[in-house]
Structure formats: C-alpha cells, structure tokens
PDB file of N, CA and C in Angstrom:
ATOM      1  N   MET A   1     220.058 145.981 175.734  1.00  0.00           N
ATOM      2  CA  MET A   1     220.504 146.315 176.628  1.00  0.00           C
ATOM      3  C   MET A   1     219.669 146.039 177.034  1.00  0.00           C
ATOM      4  N   VAL A   2     218.209 146.994 176.598  1.00  0.00           N
ATOM      5  CA  VAL A   2     217.067 146.915 177.509  1.00  0.00           C
ATOM      6  C   VAL A   2     216.719 145.484 177.571  1.00  0.00           C
ATOM      7  N   ILE A   3     216.732 144.998 177.043  1.00  0.00           N
ATOM      8  CA  ILE A   3     216.074 143.114 176.829  1.00  0.00           C
ATOM      9  C   ILE A   3     216.373 143.125 178.803  1.00  0.00           C
ATOM     10  N   GLU A   4     217.888 142.946 179.419  1.00  0.00           N
ATOM     11  CA  GLU A   4     218.414 142.051 180.092  1.00  0.00           C
ATOM     12  C   GLU A   4     218.225 143.391 181.149  1.00  0.00           C
ATOM     13  N   LEU A   5     217.682 144.690 181.205  1.00  0.00           N
ATOM     14  CA  LEU A   5     217.397 146.042 182.084  1.00  0.00           C
ATOM     15  C   LEU A   5     215.625 145.322 181.790  1.00  0.00           C
ATOM     16  N   ASP A   6     214.913 145.144 181.571  1.00  0.00           N
ATOM     17  CA  ASP A   6     214.415 144.481 181.822  1.00  0.00           C
ATOM     18  C   ASP A   6     213.856 142.893 182.807  1.00  0.00           C
ATOM     19  N   LYS A   7     214.488 142.093 182.063  1.00  0.00           N
ATOM     20  CA  LYS A   7     214.717 140.956 183.058  1.00  0.00           C
ATOM     21  C   LYS A   7     216.004 141.050 184.104  1.00  0.00           C
ATOM     22  N   LEU A   8     216.109 142.239 184.227  1.00  0.00           N
ATOM     23  CA  LEU A   8     216.339 142.433 185.948  1.00  0.00           C
ATOM     24  C   LEU A   8     215.378 143.036 186.858  1.00  0.00           C
ATOM     25  N   VAL A   9     214.617 143.687 185.920  1.00  0.00           N
ATOM     26  CA  VAL A   9     214.120 144.857 186.713  1.00  0.00           C
ATOM     27  C   VAL A   9     212.798 143.781 187.045  1.00  0.00           C
ATOM     28  N   GLU A  10     212.035 142.620 186.576  1.00  0.00           N
ATOM     29  CA  GLU A  10     211.414 141.393 186.359  1.00  0.00           C
ATOM     30  C   GLU A  10     212.099 141.326 187.378  1.00  0.00           C
ATOM     31  N   LYS A  11     213.122 140.464 188.044  1.00  0.00           N
ATOM     32  CA  LYS A  11     213.382 139.452 188.781  1.00  0.00           C
ATOM     33  C   LYS A  11     213.204 140.476 190.132  1.00  0.00           C
ATOM     34  N   PHE A  12     213.928 141.834 189.745  1.00  0.00           N
ATOM     35  CA  PHE A  12     213.542 142.514 191.095  1.00  0.00           C
ATOM     36  C   PHE A  12     212.336 142.871 191.914  1.00  0.00           C
ATOM     37  N   GLY A  13     210.994 143.141 190.590  1.00  0.00           N
ATOM     38  CA  GLY A  13     209.506 143.099 191.044  1.00  0.00           C
ATOM     39  C   GLY A  13     209.786 141.786 191.677  1.00  0.00           C
ATOM     40  N   GLU A  14     209.893 140.348 191.300  1.00  0.00           N
ATOM     41  CA  GLU A  14     209.437 140.061 192.129  1.00  0.00           C
ATOM     42  C   GLU A  14     210.106 139.071 193.624  1.00  0.00           C
ATOM     43  N   ARG A  15     211.119 139.485 193.759  1.00  0.00           N
ATOM     44  CA  ARG A  15     211.497 139.220 194.397  1.00  0.00           C
ATOM     45  C   ARG A  15     210.977 140.517 195.682  1.00  0.00           C
ATOM     46  N   ALA A  16     211.121 141.521 195.693  1.00  0.00           N
ATOM     47  CA  ALA A  16     210.093 142.442 196.602  1.00  0.00           C
ATOM     48  C   ALA A  16     209.170 141.526 196.723  1.00  0.00           C
ATOM     49  N   GLY A  17     207.967 141.028 195.871  1.00  0.00           N
ATOM     50  CA  GLY A  17     206.895 140.946 195.897  1.00  0.00           C
ATOM     51  C   GLY A  17     206.827 139.211 196.642  1.00  0.00           C
ATOM     52  N   TYR A  18     207.778 138.265 196.690  1.00  0.00           N
ATOM     53  CA  TYR A  18     207.592 137.608 197.874  1.00  0.00           C
ATOM     54  C   TYR A  18     208.103 138.697 198.888  1.00  0.00           C
ATOM     55  N   VAL A  19     208.689 139.143 199.250  1.00  0.00           N
ATOM     56  CA  VAL A  19     209.595 139.520 200.955  1.00  0.00           C
ATOM     57  C   VAL A  19     207.827 140.459 201.370  1.00  0.00           C
ATOM     58  N   VAL A  20     207.606 141.315 200.149  1.00  0.00           N
ATOM     59  CA  VAL A  20     205.996 142.008 201.048  1.00  0.00           C
ATOM     60  C   VAL A  20     204.896 141.203 201.286  1.00  0.00           C
ATOM     61  N   GLY A  21     204.771 139.930 200.964  1.00  0.00           N
ATOM     62  CA  GLY A  21     203.504 138.822 200.586  1.00  0.00           C
ATOM     63  C   GLY A  21     204.136 138.041 201.977  1.00  0.00           C
ATOM     64  N   TYR A  22     205.641 137.853 202.003  1.00  0.00           N
ATOM     65  CA  TYR A  22     206.254 136.662 203.259  1.00  0.00           C
ATOM     66  C   TYR A  22     205.258 137.951 204.403  1.00  0.00           C
ATOM     67  N   PHE A  23     206.165 139.187 204.757  1.00  0.00           N
ATOM     68  CA  PHE A  23     205.277 140.362 206.243  1.00  0.00           C
ATOM     69  C   PHE A  23     204.227 139.991 206.220  1.00  0.00           C
ATOM     70  N   LEU A  24     203.282 140.378 204.741  1.00  0.00           N
ATOM     71  CA  LEU A  24     202.096 140.768 204.926  1.00  0.00           C
ATOM     72  C   LEU A  24     200.905 138.942 205.234  1.00  0.00           C
ATOM     73  N   PHE A  25     201.983 137.821 204.876  1.00  0.00           N
ATOM     74  CA  PHE A  25     200.692 136.959 205.464  1.00  0.00           C
ATOM     75  C   PHE A  25     201.410 136.829 207.026  1.00  0.00           C
ATOM     76  N   THR A  26     202.724 137.201 207.435  1.00  0.00           N
ATOM     77  CA  THR A  26     203.321 136.339 209.043  1.00  0.00           C
ATOM     78  C   THR A  26     202.845 137.794 209.545  1.00  0.00           C
ATOM     79  N   THR A  27     202.261 138.393 209.722  1.00  0.00           N
ATOM     80  CA  THR A  27     201.542 139.748 209.793  1.00  0.00           C
ATOM     81  C   THR A  27     199.951 139.203 210.338  1.00  0.00           C
ATOM     82  N   VAL A  28     199.545 139.064 209.210  1.00  0.00           N
ATOM     83  CA  VAL A  28     197.920 138.714 209.583  1.00  0.00           C
ATOM     84  C   VAL A  28     198.499 136.796 210.260  1.00  0.00           C
ATOM     85  N   LEU A  29     199.026 136.837 210.101  1.00  0.00           N
ATOM     86  CA  LEU A  29     199.071 134.994 210.800  1.00  0.00           C
ATOM     87  C   LEU A  29     199.514 135.685 212.344  1.00  0.00           C
ATOM     88  N   PHE A  30     200.000 136.241 212.518  1.00  0.00           N
ATOM     89  CA  PHE A  30     199.916 136.347 214.231  1.00  0.00           C
ATOM     90  C   PHE A  30     199.265 137.456 214.695  1.00  0.00           C
ATOM     91  N   PHE A  31     198.569 138.032 214.262  1.00  0.00           N
ATOM     92  CA  PHE A  31     197.478 138.498 214.603  1.00  0.00           C
ATOM     93  C   PHE A  31     196.368 137.889 214.952  1.00  0.00           C
ATOM     94  N   ILE A  32     195.924 136.501 213.974  1.00  0.00           N
ATOM     95  CA  ILE A  32     195.136 136.167 214.259  1.00  0.00           C
ATOM     96  C   ILE A  32     195.408 135.154 215.337  1.00  0.00           C
ATOM     97  N   LEU A  33     197.035 134.805 215.418  1.00  0.00           N
ATOM     98  CA  LEU A  33     196.755 133.277 216.871  1.00  0.00           C
ATOM     99  C   LEU A  33     196.729 134.341 217.982  1.00  0.00           C
ATOM    100  N   LEU A  34     197.229 135.227 218.170  1.00  0.00           N
ATOM    101  CA  LEU A  34     197.451 136.591 218.846  1.00  0.00           C
ATOM    102  C   LEU A  34     195.764 136.190 219.869  1.00  0.00           C
ATOM    103  N   LEU A  35     194.902 137.310 218.305  1.00  0.00           N
ATOM    104  CA  LEU A  35     193.654 137.117 218.736  1.00  0.00           C
ATOM    105  C   LEU A  35     192.585 136.168 218.917  1.00  0.00           C
ATOM    106  N   LEU A  36     193.070 134.670 219.024  1.00  0.00           N
ATOM    107  CA  LEU A  36     192.110 133.995 218.446  1.00  0.00           C
ATOM    108  C   LEU A  36     192.969 132.684 220.625  1.00  0.00           C
ATOM    109  N   ASN A  37     194.916 133.427 220.733  1.00  0.00           N
ATOM    110  CA  ASN A  37     194.749 133.107 222.104  1.00  0.00           C
ATOM    111  C   ASN A  37     195.645 131.934 221.827  1.00  0.00           C
ATOM    112  N   LYS A  38     195.949 131.245 220.768  1.00  0.00           N
ATOM    113  CA  LYS A  38     196.885 130.081 220.119  1.00  0.00           C
ATOM    114  C   LYS A  38     197.875 130.010 220.722  1.00  0.00           C
ATOM    115  N   ILE A  39     198.513 131.683 220.950  1.00  0.00           N
ATOM    116  CA  ILE A  39     199.702 131.693 221.137  1.00  0.00           C
ATOM    117  C   ILE A  39     200.517 132.007 222.531  1.00  0.00           C
ATOM    118  N   SER A  40     201.398 131.162 222.998  1.00  0.00           N
ATOM    119  CA  SER A  40     201.135 131.665 223.713  1.00  0.00           C
ATOM    120  C   SER A  40     202.642 132.865 224.460  1.00  0.00           C
ATOM    121  N   GLU A  41     201.781 133.456 225.958  1.00  0.00           N
ATOM    122  CA  GLU A  41     202.142 135.603 225.896  1.00  0.00           C
ATOM    123  C   GLU A  41     204.279 135.349 225.644  1.00  0.00           C
ATOM    124  N   SER A  42     204.980 134.663 225.263  1.00  0.00           N
ATOM    125  CA  SER A  42     205.958 134.119 225.545  1.00  0.00           C
ATOM    126  C   SER A  42     206.546 134.278 224.136  1.00  0.00           C
ATOM    127  N   PHE A  43     205.492 134.244 223.311  1.00  0.00           N
ATOM    128  CA  PHE A  43     206.035 134.408 221.735  1.00  0.00           C
ATOM    129  C   PHE A  43     205.600 135.546 221.089  1.00  0.00           C
ATOM    130  N   SER A  44     206.615 135.441 220.263  1.00  0.00           N
ATOM    131  CA  SER A  44     206.730 136.915 219.878  1.00  0.00           C
ATOM    132  C   SER A  44     206.173 137.199 218.058  1.00  0.00           C
ATOM    133  N   TYR A  45     206.460 137.932 217.477  1.00  0.00           N
ATOM    134  CA  TYR A  45     206.098 138.094 216.132  1.00  0.00           C
ATOM    135  C   TYR A  45     207.014 137.937 215.400  1.00  0.00           C
ATOM    136  N   ILE A  46     208.813 137.399 215.952  1.00  0.00           N
ATOM    137  CA  ILE A  46     209.981 136.281 215.221  1.00  0.00           C
ATOM    138  C   ILE A  46     209.422 135.381 215.754  1.00  0.00           C
ATOM    139  N   HIS A  47     209.261 134.926 216.251  1.00  0.00           N
ATOM    140  CA  HIS A  47     208.676 133.100 216.633  1.00  0.00           C
ATOM    141  C   HIS A  47     207.821 132.687 215.857  1.00  0.00           C
ATOM    142  N   VAL A  48     207.032 133.964 215.352  1.00  0.00           N
ATOM    143  CA  VAL A  48     205.658 133.646 214.144  1.00  0.00           C
ATOM    144  C   VAL A  48     207.058 133.625 213.229  1.00  0.00           C
ATOM    145  N   MET A  49     208.125 134.509 212.741  1.00  0.00           N
ATOM    146  CA  MET A  49     209.032 134.669 211.951  1.00  0.00           C
ATOM    147  C   MET A  49     209.637 133.560 211.139  1.00  0.00           C
ATOM    148  N   ALA A  50     210.485 132.920 212.121  1.00  0.00           N
ATOM    149  CA  ALA A  50     211.090 132.503 211.783  1.00  0.00           C
ATOM    150  C   ALA A  50     210.025 130.737 212.106  1.00  0.00           C
ATOM    151  N   ILE A  51     209.570 130.168 212.067  1.00  0.00           N
ATOM    152  CA  ILE A  51     208.112 129.633 211.643  1.00  0.00           C
ATOM    153  C   ILE A  51     208.111 129.654 210.313  1.00  0.00           C
ATOM    154  N   THR A  52     207.483 130.247 210.236  1.00  0.00           N
ATOM    155  CA  THR A  52     207.081 130.860 208.623  1.00  0.00           C
ATOM    156  C   THR A  52     207.933 131.021 206.863  1.00  0.00           C
ATOM    157  N   PHE A  53     209.305 130.994 208.140  1.00  0.00           N
ATOM    158  CA  PHE A  53     210.621 131.072 206.842  1.00  0.00           C
ATOM    159  C   PHE A  53     210.967 129.852 207.088  1.00  0.00           C
ATOM    160  N   LEU A  54     210.695 128.816 207.893  1.00  0.00           N
ATOM    161  CA  LEU A  54     211.554 128.265 207.751  1.00  0.00           C
ATOM    162  C   LEU A  54     210.417 127.208 206.594  1.00  0.00           C
ATOM    163  N   ILE A  55     209.111 127.053 206.714  1.00  0.00           N
ATOM    164  CA  ILE A  55     208.339 126.901 205.995  1.00  0.00           C
ATOM    165  C   ILE A  55     208.796 127.170 204.584  1.00  0.00           C
ATOM    166  N   ALA A  56     208.553 128.588 204.880  1.00  0.00           N
ATOM    167  CA  ALA A  56     209.382 128.599 203.041  1.00  0.00           C
ATOM    168  C   ALA A  56     210.209 128.102 202.623  1.00  0.00           C
ATOM    169  N   VAL A  57     210.925 128.608 203.524  1.00  0.00           N
ATOM    170  CA  VAL A  57     212.176 127.452 203.076  1.00  0.00           C
ATOM    171  C   VAL A  57     212.249 126.051 202.773  1.00  0.00           C
ATOM    172  N   LEU A  58     211.872 124.932 202.652  1.00  0.00           N
ATOM    173  CA  LEU A  58     211.424 123.323 203.546  1.00  0.00           C
ATOM    174  C   LEU A  58     210.419 123.687 202.017  1.00  0.00           C
ATOM    175  N   GLY A  59     209.609 124.514 201.570  1.00  0.00           N
ATOM    176  CA  GLY A  59     208.835 124.551 200.437  1.00  0.00           C
ATOM    177  C   GLY A  59     209.822 124.578 198.925  1.00  0.00           C
ATOM    178  N   VAL A  60     211.339 125.757 199.244  1.00  0.00           N
ATOM    179  CA  VAL A  60     211.636 125.532 198.255  1.00  0.00           C
ATOM    180  C   VAL A  60     212.086 125.175 198.181  1.00  0.00           C
ATOM    181  N   ILE A  61     213.394 123.673 199.212  1.00  0.00           N
ATOM    182  CA  ILE A  61     214.174 123.309 199.142  1.00  0.00           C
ATOM    183  C   ILE A  61     213.329 121.530 198.286  1.00  0.00           C
ATOM    184  N   VAL A  62     212.374 121.386 198.079  1.00  0.00           N
ATOM    185  CA  VAL A  62     210.796 120.477 198.076  1.00  0.00           C
ATOM    186  C   VAL A  62     211.099 120.771 196.487  1.00  0.00           C
ATOM    187  N   LYS A  63     210.975 121.688 196.751  1.00  0.00           N
ATOM    188  CA  LYS A  63     210.128 123.071 194.992  1.00  0.00           C
ATOM    189  C   LYS A  63     211.415 122.047 193.986  1.00  0.00           C
ATOM    190  N   ARG A  64     212.695 121.551 194.881  1.00  0.00           N
ATOM    191  CA  ARG A  64     214.320 121.785 193.608  1.00  0.00           C
ATOM    192  C   ARG A  64     214.276 120.928 193.724  1.00  0.00           C
ATOM    193  N   PHE A  65     213.839 120.290 194.797  1.00  0.00           N
ATOM    194  CA  PHE A  65     214.088 118.648 194.762  1.00  0.00           C
ATOM    195  C   PHE A  65     213.334 117.895 193.824  1.00  0.00           C
ATOM    196  N   LEU A  66     212.606 118.246 193.469  1.00  0.00           N
ATOM    197  CA  LEU A  66     211.161 117.848 192.738  1.00  0.00           C
ATOM    198  C   LEU A  66     211.756 118.299 191.240  1.00  0.00           C
ATOM    199  N   LYS A  67     212.052 119.069 190.551  1.00  0.00           N
ATOM    200  CA  LYS A  67     212.808 119.295 189.508  1.00  0.00           C
ATOM    201  C   LYS A  67     213.714 118.503 189.168  1.00  0.00           C
TER     202      LYS A  67
END
C-alpha cells in the first residue's frame, strides 16, 4: 500500500511540476516578448499560452513516436 501511495504522490508531483513550469515559462516568455516589442498589441497572454501548448504537445508526440 505504501509503494502505491508513493507512486501516486510521485506522479502527482511530476505533473504539478510540469504545469507550474509551463505557466512560469509562458509568463516569462510573454513578458520578454512584450518588453522587446516582438508581439503586436492584439496578441494576449492566451495566444502565447496556445503557442507554447502546441509546442509542448508536439514534443510529447515526437517523444512517443520515437519510443
């Protein structure tokens, strides 16, 4: 029972870390692009989130394909 609980906690921690890292990276990227005037004023945080999400999904697809 303890081993299963440890795996559950480990899996949750891994996913939570991935989500926190995703939002941190997206926020930093958005502010860098905003400060350097590399994105138009019509672009919002949601647009940058969508782009980084697509890149992350493509990475997962390539990883599974190469496995």
